[in-house]
């Protein structure tokens, strides 16, 4: 299976555009390009029932973030503070950077 290049990276601020967490924002903790999914901090929280192990002697119900499909999140532009689509632009020094399609500002640091 081919690895898809995603429009979001680790540590990006994103907004969920569909699903049970629609409208909420959070920081991307992990990216899974081979699956096309991202894990966003404190969003899409599910309860996981775990049995006692040596690492977790207590066991019980643990709440953790589940992956969201990358198509369900939109990058939050730091300049205009709105969720927007992104494009790629070649800068003067030859490097490639993402830009916000609403305000035309460079998103990458």
N, C-alpha and C. Protein backbone atom coordinates (compact mmCIF):
# COMPACT_ATOMS: atom_id res chain seq x y z
N UNK A 1 0.84 -1.18 0.00
CA UNK A 1 0.00 0.00 0.00
C UNK A 1 0.89 1.24 0.00
N UNK A 2 0.56 2.21 -0.82
CA UNK A 2 1.36 3.43 -0.93
C UNK A 2 1.10 4.35 0.26
N UNK A 3 2.15 5.02 0.71
CA UNK A 3 2.04 5.94 1.83
C UNK A 3 1.54 7.28 1.29
N UNK A 4 0.45 7.80 1.90
CA UNK A 4 -0.11 9.08 1.49
C UNK A 4 0.59 10.21 2.23
N UNK A 5 0.87 11.30 1.52
CA UNK A 5 1.42 12.48 2.17
C UNK A 5 0.24 13.26 2.73
N UNK A 6 0.29 13.58 4.02
CA UNK A 6 -0.82 14.25 4.67
C UNK A 6 -0.62 15.76 4.74
N UNK A 7 -1.71 16.50 4.90
CA UNK A 7 -1.66 17.95 4.96
C UNK A 7 -1.36 18.47 6.36
N UNK A 8 -1.29 17.57 7.35
CA UNK A 8 -0.97 17.98 8.72
C UNK A 8 0.28 17.25 9.19
N UNK A 9 0.98 17.88 10.12
CA UNK A 9 2.19 17.30 10.71
C UNK A 9 2.04 17.27 12.21
N UNK A 10 2.97 16.61 12.87
CA UNK A 10 2.99 16.55 14.32
C UNK A 10 3.16 17.97 14.87
N UNK A 11 2.49 18.28 15.97
CA UNK A 11 2.50 19.57 16.67
C UNK A 11 1.72 20.67 15.95
N UNK A 12 0.97 20.35 14.89
CA UNK A 12 0.08 21.33 14.25
C UNK A 12 -1.18 21.49 15.10
N UNK A 13 -1.76 22.69 15.09
CA UNK A 13 -3.06 22.90 15.71
C UNK A 13 -4.12 22.66 14.63
N UNK A 14 -5.10 21.81 14.93
CA UNK A 14 -6.12 21.45 13.96
C UNK A 14 -7.51 21.61 14.55
N UNK A 15 -8.50 21.73 13.67
CA UNK A 15 -9.91 21.77 14.04
C UNK A 15 -10.60 20.57 13.41
N UNK A 16 -11.46 19.90 14.18
CA UNK A 16 -12.22 18.77 13.65
C UNK A 16 -13.42 19.33 12.89
N UNK A 17 -13.61 18.89 11.64
CA UNK A 17 -14.67 19.45 10.81
C UNK A 17 -15.89 18.54 10.69
N UNK A 18 -15.79 17.32 11.18
CA UNK A 18 -16.95 16.42 11.14
C UNK A 18 -16.82 15.36 12.23
N UNK A 19 -17.95 14.78 12.62
CA UNK A 19 -17.94 13.73 13.63
C UNK A 19 -18.40 14.23 14.99
N UNK A 20 -18.22 13.41 16.02
CA UNK A 20 -18.74 13.74 17.34
C UNK A 20 -18.00 14.90 18.00
N UNK A 21 -16.76 15.17 17.58
CA UNK A 21 -15.97 16.26 18.14
C UNK A 21 -15.91 17.47 17.21
N UNK A 22 -16.90 17.63 16.35
CA UNK A 22 -16.91 18.72 15.37
C UNK A 22 -16.79 20.07 16.05
N UNK A 23 -15.88 20.92 15.52
CA UNK A 23 -15.70 22.26 16.05
C UNK A 23 -14.63 22.38 17.12
N UNK A 24 -14.18 21.26 17.67
CA UNK A 24 -13.15 21.30 18.72
C UNK A 24 -11.77 21.39 18.09
N UNK A 25 -10.84 21.99 18.84
CA UNK A 25 -9.48 22.13 18.34
C UNK A 25 -8.52 21.42 19.28
N UNK A 26 -7.38 21.03 18.73
CA UNK A 26 -6.35 20.37 19.52
C UNK A 26 -5.06 20.25 18.74
N UNK A 27 -4.04 19.76 19.44
CA UNK A 27 -2.72 19.62 18.84
C UNK A 27 -2.51 18.19 18.37
N UNK A 28 -1.93 18.03 17.19
CA UNK A 28 -1.66 16.70 16.64
C UNK A 28 -0.52 16.07 17.42
N UNK A 29 -0.78 14.88 18.00
CA UNK A 29 0.25 14.19 18.78
C UNK A 29 1.01 13.18 17.93
N UNK A 30 0.29 12.45 17.08
CA UNK A 30 0.92 11.44 16.22
C UNK A 30 0.26 11.45 14.86
N UNK A 31 1.03 11.08 13.84
CA UNK A 31 0.54 11.01 12.46
C UNK A 31 0.84 9.61 11.93
N UNK A 32 -0.14 8.99 11.29
CA UNK A 32 0.02 7.68 10.68
C UNK A 32 -0.21 7.81 9.18
N UNK A 33 0.84 8.17 8.39
CA UNK A 33 0.64 8.39 6.96
C UNK A 33 0.22 7.14 6.20
N UNK A 34 0.66 5.97 6.68
CA UNK A 34 0.31 4.73 5.98
C UNK A 34 -1.17 4.40 6.12
N UNK A 35 -1.82 4.89 7.19
CA UNK A 35 -3.25 4.66 7.40
C UNK A 35 -4.08 5.90 7.08
N UNK A 36 -3.42 7.06 6.93
CA UNK A 36 -4.14 8.30 6.67
C UNK A 36 -4.87 8.80 7.89
N UNK A 37 -4.31 8.58 9.09
CA UNK A 37 -4.97 8.95 10.34
C UNK A 37 -4.05 9.79 11.21
N UNK A 38 -4.66 10.55 12.13
CA UNK A 38 -3.92 11.37 13.09
C UNK A 38 -4.54 11.19 14.47
N UNK A 39 -3.71 11.36 15.51
CA UNK A 39 -4.21 11.37 16.88
C UNK A 39 -4.10 12.80 17.38
N UNK A 40 -5.24 13.36 17.82
CA UNK A 40 -5.29 14.73 18.30
C UNK A 40 -5.45 14.70 19.82
N UNK A 41 -4.70 15.56 20.49
CA UNK A 41 -4.67 15.61 21.95
C UNK A 41 -6.06 15.90 22.52
N UNK A 42 -6.53 15.05 23.42
CA UNK A 42 -7.79 15.13 24.16
C UNK A 42 -9.04 15.21 23.27
N UNK A 43 -8.96 14.66 22.04
CA UNK A 43 -10.13 14.56 21.17
C UNK A 43 -10.32 13.10 20.75
N UNK A 44 -11.56 12.73 20.46
CA UNK A 44 -11.93 11.36 20.08
C UNK A 44 -11.50 10.37 21.17
N UNK A 45 -11.83 10.70 22.41
CA UNK A 45 -11.43 9.88 23.56
C UNK A 45 -12.37 8.69 23.66
N UNK A 46 -11.78 7.48 23.78
CA UNK A 46 -12.55 6.25 23.91
C UNK A 46 -12.15 5.55 25.20
N UNK A 47 -13.04 4.69 25.69
CA UNK A 47 -12.75 3.91 26.90
C UNK A 47 -12.25 2.54 26.49
N UNK A 48 -11.13 2.14 27.07
CA UNK A 48 -10.52 0.85 26.74
C UNK A 48 -10.49 0.01 28.00
N UNK A 49 -11.10 -1.18 27.94
CA UNK A 49 -11.09 -2.10 29.07
C UNK A 49 -9.82 -2.94 29.01
N UNK A 50 -9.00 -2.86 30.04
CA UNK A 50 -7.74 -3.59 30.04
C UNK A 50 -7.70 -4.58 31.20
N UNK A 51 -7.07 -5.70 30.92
CA UNK A 51 -6.92 -6.71 31.98
C UNK A 51 -5.62 -6.43 32.74
N UNK A 52 -5.51 -6.88 33.96
CA UNK A 52 -4.29 -6.64 34.73
C UNK A 52 -3.07 -7.33 34.08
N UNK A 53 -1.97 -6.60 34.01
CA UNK A 53 -0.70 -7.12 33.51
C UNK A 53 0.40 -6.74 34.49
N UNK A 54 1.63 -7.14 34.20
CA UNK A 54 2.74 -6.75 35.07
C UNK A 54 2.95 -5.24 35.05
N UNK A 55 2.79 -4.63 33.88
CA UNK A 55 2.98 -3.18 33.75
C UNK A 55 1.84 -2.42 34.44
N UNK A 56 0.61 -2.92 34.29
CA UNK A 56 -0.56 -2.28 34.88
C UNK A 56 -1.26 -3.32 35.75
N UNK A 57 -0.84 -3.41 37.01
CA UNK A 57 -1.35 -4.46 37.90
C UNK A 57 -2.83 -4.27 38.22
N UNK A 58 -3.32 -3.03 38.19
CA UNK A 58 -4.70 -2.75 38.54
C UNK A 58 -5.67 -3.16 37.44
N UNK A 59 -5.34 -2.88 36.17
CA UNK A 59 -6.29 -3.13 35.10
C UNK A 59 -7.39 -2.09 35.13
N UNK A 60 -8.54 -2.37 34.55
CA UNK A 60 -9.69 -1.47 34.61
C UNK A 60 -9.96 -0.75 33.31
N UNK A 61 -10.65 0.37 33.41
CA UNK A 61 -11.06 1.14 32.24
C UNK A 61 -10.12 2.33 32.08
N UNK A 62 -9.50 2.42 30.91
CA UNK A 62 -8.56 3.51 30.61
C UNK A 62 -9.15 4.35 29.48
N UNK A 63 -9.07 5.67 29.63
CA UNK A 63 -9.51 6.56 28.55
C UNK A 63 -8.30 6.99 27.74
N UNK A 64 -8.38 6.84 26.42
CA UNK A 64 -7.27 7.24 25.57
C UNK A 64 -7.80 7.78 24.25
N UNK A 65 -6.93 8.52 23.53
CA UNK A 65 -7.32 9.10 22.26
C UNK A 65 -7.25 8.05 21.17
N UNK A 66 -8.28 8.01 20.35
CA UNK A 66 -8.30 7.11 19.20
C UNK A 66 -7.95 7.92 17.95
N UNK A 67 -7.42 7.25 16.91
CA UNK A 67 -7.07 7.99 15.69
C UNK A 67 -8.30 8.52 14.96
N UNK A 68 -8.14 9.71 14.39
CA UNK A 68 -9.16 10.32 13.52
C UNK A 68 -8.65 10.24 12.10
N UNK A 69 -9.55 10.18 11.13
CA UNK A 69 -9.12 10.22 9.75
C UNK A 69 -8.59 11.62 9.44
N UNK A 70 -7.50 11.70 8.71
CA UNK A 70 -6.87 12.99 8.43
C UNK A 70 -7.77 13.90 7.61
N UNK A 71 -8.71 13.31 6.85
CA UNK A 71 -9.62 14.14 6.06
C UNK A 71 -10.66 14.84 6.92
N UNK A 72 -10.78 14.44 8.19
CA UNK A 72 -11.77 15.04 9.09
C UNK A 72 -11.19 16.18 9.92
N UNK A 73 -9.93 16.53 9.70
CA UNK A 73 -9.33 17.65 10.43
C UNK A 73 -8.81 18.67 9.43
N UNK A 74 -8.83 19.94 9.86
CA UNK A 74 -8.34 21.04 9.04
C UNK A 74 -7.33 21.83 9.85
N UNK A 75 -6.27 22.25 9.20
CA UNK A 75 -5.22 23.00 9.86
C UNK A 75 -5.74 24.35 10.31
N UNK A 76 -5.40 24.74 11.55
CA UNK A 76 -5.80 26.02 12.10
C UNK A 76 -4.68 27.01 11.82
N UNK A 77 -4.97 28.03 11.01
CA UNK A 77 -3.95 29.03 10.63
C UNK A 77 -3.64 29.90 11.84
N UNK A 78 -2.35 30.09 12.12
CA UNK A 78 -1.93 30.92 13.24
C UNK A 78 -2.16 32.40 12.97
N UNK A 79 -2.08 32.82 11.70
CA UNK A 79 -2.21 34.23 11.35
C UNK A 79 -3.67 34.70 11.42
N UNK A 80 -4.57 33.98 10.73
CA UNK A 80 -5.97 34.42 10.72
C UNK A 80 -6.82 33.69 11.76
N UNK A 81 -6.25 32.70 12.45
CA UNK A 81 -6.90 31.94 13.53
C UNK A 81 -8.21 31.29 13.07
N UNK A 82 -8.22 30.80 11.82
CA UNK A 82 -9.38 30.10 11.27
C UNK A 82 -8.92 28.79 10.64
N UNK A 83 -9.79 27.77 10.65
CA UNK A 83 -9.43 26.54 9.93
C UNK A 83 -9.46 26.80 8.43
N UNK A 84 -8.42 26.36 7.74
CA UNK A 84 -8.38 26.63 6.31
C UNK A 84 -7.64 25.52 5.58
N UNK A 85 -7.85 25.49 4.26
CA UNK A 85 -7.12 24.56 3.42
C UNK A 85 -5.71 25.10 3.24
N UNK A 86 -4.80 24.21 2.90
CA UNK A 86 -3.41 24.64 2.72
C UNK A 86 -2.94 24.29 1.33
N UNK A 87 -1.94 25.04 0.89
CA UNK A 87 -1.29 24.78 -0.37
C UNK A 87 0.21 24.78 -0.16
N UNK A 88 0.97 24.41 -1.18
CA UNK A 88 2.43 24.41 -1.08
C UNK A 88 2.99 25.50 -1.97
N UNK A 89 4.05 26.11 -1.51
CA UNK A 89 4.69 27.19 -2.24
C UNK A 89 6.20 27.03 -2.10
N UNK A 90 6.92 27.30 -3.18
CA UNK A 90 8.38 27.28 -3.15
C UNK A 90 8.86 28.68 -2.76
N UNK A 91 9.67 28.75 -1.69
CA UNK A 91 10.17 30.03 -1.21
C UNK A 91 11.41 30.46 -2.00
N UNK A 92 11.88 31.69 -1.74
CA UNK A 92 13.04 32.24 -2.46
C UNK A 92 14.29 31.39 -2.29
N UNK A 93 14.46 30.83 -1.09
CA UNK A 93 15.66 30.02 -0.83
C UNK A 93 15.55 28.60 -1.38
N UNK A 94 14.45 28.29 -2.05
CA UNK A 94 14.28 26.98 -2.68
C UNK A 94 13.57 25.95 -1.82
N UNK A 95 13.25 26.31 -0.57
CA UNK A 95 12.56 25.36 0.31
C UNK A 95 11.05 25.40 0.04
N UNK A 96 10.38 24.32 0.42
CA UNK A 96 8.95 24.17 0.19
C UNK A 96 8.23 24.44 1.51
N UNK A 97 7.17 25.23 1.48
CA UNK A 97 6.44 25.56 2.71
C UNK A 97 4.94 25.55 2.44
N UNK A 98 4.16 25.27 3.49
CA UNK A 98 2.70 25.30 3.39
C UNK A 98 2.21 26.73 3.61
N UNK A 99 1.11 27.08 2.94
CA UNK A 99 0.52 28.40 3.16
C UNK A 99 -0.99 28.27 3.30
N UNK A 100 -1.58 29.21 4.03
CA UNK A 100 -3.02 29.27 4.26
C UNK A 100 -3.69 29.83 3.02
N UNK A 101 -4.73 29.17 2.52
CA UNK A 101 -5.40 29.63 1.31
C UNK A 101 -6.40 30.75 1.59
N UNK A 102 -6.66 31.07 2.89
CA UNK A 102 -7.56 32.18 3.21
C UNK A 102 -6.80 33.50 3.28
N UNK A 103 -5.62 33.49 3.95
CA UNK A 103 -4.91 34.75 4.16
C UNK A 103 -3.54 34.80 3.46
N UNK A 104 -3.18 33.72 2.75
CA UNK A 104 -1.92 33.64 2.01
C UNK A 104 -0.67 33.76 2.88
N UNK A 105 -0.77 33.47 4.17
CA UNK A 105 0.39 33.52 5.06
C UNK A 105 1.05 32.14 5.11
N UNK A 106 2.36 32.13 5.31
CA UNK A 106 3.10 30.88 5.44
C UNK A 106 2.77 30.24 6.79
N UNK A 107 2.43 28.95 6.78
CA UNK A 107 2.04 28.24 7.99
C UNK A 107 3.26 27.65 8.70
N UNK A 108 4.21 27.11 7.93
CA UNK A 108 5.40 26.49 8.52
C UNK A 108 6.31 27.54 9.13
N UNK A 109 6.98 27.13 10.20
CA UNK A 109 7.86 28.06 10.90
C UNK A 109 9.14 28.27 10.12
